Protein backbone atom coordinates (compact mmCIF):
# COMPACT_ATOMS: atom_id res chain seq x y z
CA MET A 1 41.90 -64.98 -55.42
CA ASN A 2 44.08 -65.29 -58.47
CA ARG A 3 45.49 -68.50 -59.68
CA LYS A 4 49.23 -67.71 -59.02
CA ARG A 5 48.25 -66.85 -55.41
CA LEU A 6 46.41 -70.14 -55.11
CA GLU A 7 49.25 -72.22 -56.49
CA ASP A 8 51.60 -70.47 -54.08
CA LEU A 9 49.46 -71.35 -51.20
CA CYS A 10 49.17 -74.99 -52.37
CA ALA A 11 53.02 -75.20 -52.80
CA THR A 12 53.58 -73.76 -49.23
CA ALA A 13 50.98 -76.15 -47.79
CA ARG A 14 52.68 -79.14 -49.45
CA ALA A 15 56.14 -78.06 -48.08
CA VAL A 16 54.93 -77.95 -44.51
CA PRO A 17 55.47 -81.30 -42.77
CA ALA A 18 52.36 -83.22 -41.61
CA PRO A 19 51.74 -82.86 -37.83
CA GLU A 20 52.74 -85.57 -35.57
CA VAL A 21 50.14 -87.98 -34.45
CA ALA A 22 50.02 -88.40 -30.70
CA GLU A 23 51.24 -91.49 -29.13
CA LYS A 24 48.78 -94.45 -28.95
CA PHE A 25 46.20 -91.97 -30.59
CA SER A 26 44.20 -94.93 -32.17
CA GLN A 27 44.13 -96.76 -28.90
CA ARG A 28 42.69 -93.78 -27.15
CA VAL A 29 40.11 -93.35 -29.65
CA MET A 30 38.89 -96.92 -29.38
CA ALA A 31 38.70 -96.78 -25.74
CA GLN A 32 36.51 -93.81 -25.79
CA VAL A 33 34.37 -95.53 -28.39
CA ARG A 34 34.10 -98.47 -26.12
CA CYS A 35 33.23 -96.31 -23.11
CA GLU A 36 30.16 -94.65 -24.77
CA PRO A 37 26.78 -96.34 -23.98
CA PHE A 38 25.07 -98.19 -26.60
CA ARG A 39 22.13 -96.32 -28.01
CA THR A 40 19.19 -97.99 -29.71
CA GLY A 41 17.13 -96.16 -32.21
CA ALA A 42 14.43 -94.07 -30.54
CA THR A 43 10.99 -95.44 -31.02
CA MET A 44 7.88 -93.26 -31.60
CA ARG A 45 6.81 -94.04 -27.91
CA ASP A 46 10.27 -92.64 -26.62
CA GLU A 47 9.75 -89.48 -28.69
CA LEU A 48 6.25 -89.02 -27.39
CA ASP A 49 7.31 -89.68 -23.84
CA GLN A 50 9.75 -86.87 -24.13
CA LEU A 51 7.21 -84.57 -25.83
CA TYR A 52 4.29 -85.34 -23.61
CA PRO A 53 4.81 -82.66 -21.07
CA ARG A 54 5.06 -80.10 -23.80
CA LEU A 55 1.95 -81.47 -25.54
CA VAL A 56 0.01 -81.11 -22.26
CA TRP A 57 0.95 -77.45 -21.76
CA THR A 58 0.35 -76.63 -25.36
CA ALA A 59 -3.13 -78.32 -25.25
CA LEU A 60 -3.96 -76.39 -22.01
CA LEU A 61 -2.82 -73.20 -23.58
CA VAL A 62 -4.94 -73.75 -26.73
CA MET A 63 -8.05 -74.55 -24.48
CA ALA A 64 -7.46 -71.35 -22.36
CA LEU A 65 -7.00 -69.21 -25.39
CA CYS A 66 -10.18 -70.75 -26.97
CA LEU A 67 -12.03 -70.04 -23.80
CA ALA A 68 -10.83 -66.46 -23.56
CA LEU A 69 -11.67 -65.79 -27.21
CA ASP A 70 -15.16 -67.25 -26.65
CA GLN A 71 -15.68 -65.02 -23.63
CA GLY A 72 -14.35 -61.97 -25.31
CA HIS A 73 -16.62 -62.78 -28.47
CA ALA A 74 -19.73 -63.18 -26.29
CA ALA A 75 -18.98 -59.79 -24.68
CA ILE A 76 -18.50 -58.06 -27.85
CA ILE A 77 -21.16 -59.56 -30.09
CA GLY A 78 -23.61 -61.09 -27.73
CA PRO A 79 -24.38 -64.33 -26.18
CA ASP A 80 -24.86 -66.36 -29.17
CA LEU A 81 -22.95 -66.22 -32.56
CA ALA A 82 -26.20 -67.00 -34.46
CA ASP A 83 -27.98 -64.11 -32.99
CA GLY A 84 -25.25 -61.79 -33.41
CA ALA A 85 -24.88 -62.65 -37.08
CA THR A 86 -28.69 -62.26 -37.55
CA GLN A 87 -28.56 -58.71 -35.78
CA TRP A 88 -25.60 -57.70 -37.91
CA LEU A 89 -27.29 -58.97 -41.16
CA GLU A 90 -30.56 -56.97 -40.22
CA GLN A 91 -28.66 -53.91 -39.61
CA TRP A 92 -26.71 -54.26 -42.74
CA LEU A 93 -29.86 -54.90 -44.92
CA VAL A 94 -31.60 -51.84 -43.26
CA ALA A 95 -28.62 -49.70 -43.89
CA GLY A 96 -28.65 -50.72 -47.64
CA LEU A 97 -32.26 -49.66 -48.13
């Protein structure tokens, strides 16, 4: 936007009268402020109480995922990670000879 256009817009805005404030506007605002409940700062316990159900479901999901991965790993590699690693290492060393 060029400078002349900006000055024209500012001049037009200055020429327009300000909007009328509604009758008893400040009294209505203060009445609304007084009607709102007083809120104290949320404590850590309040935050945890709200998050607790989500934390429980997340923990259960993580445990189920770990159990599924362990079962899948046991089905693919073998019953024990150490035995599977030993077998893989032996096969790798024999293949290298």
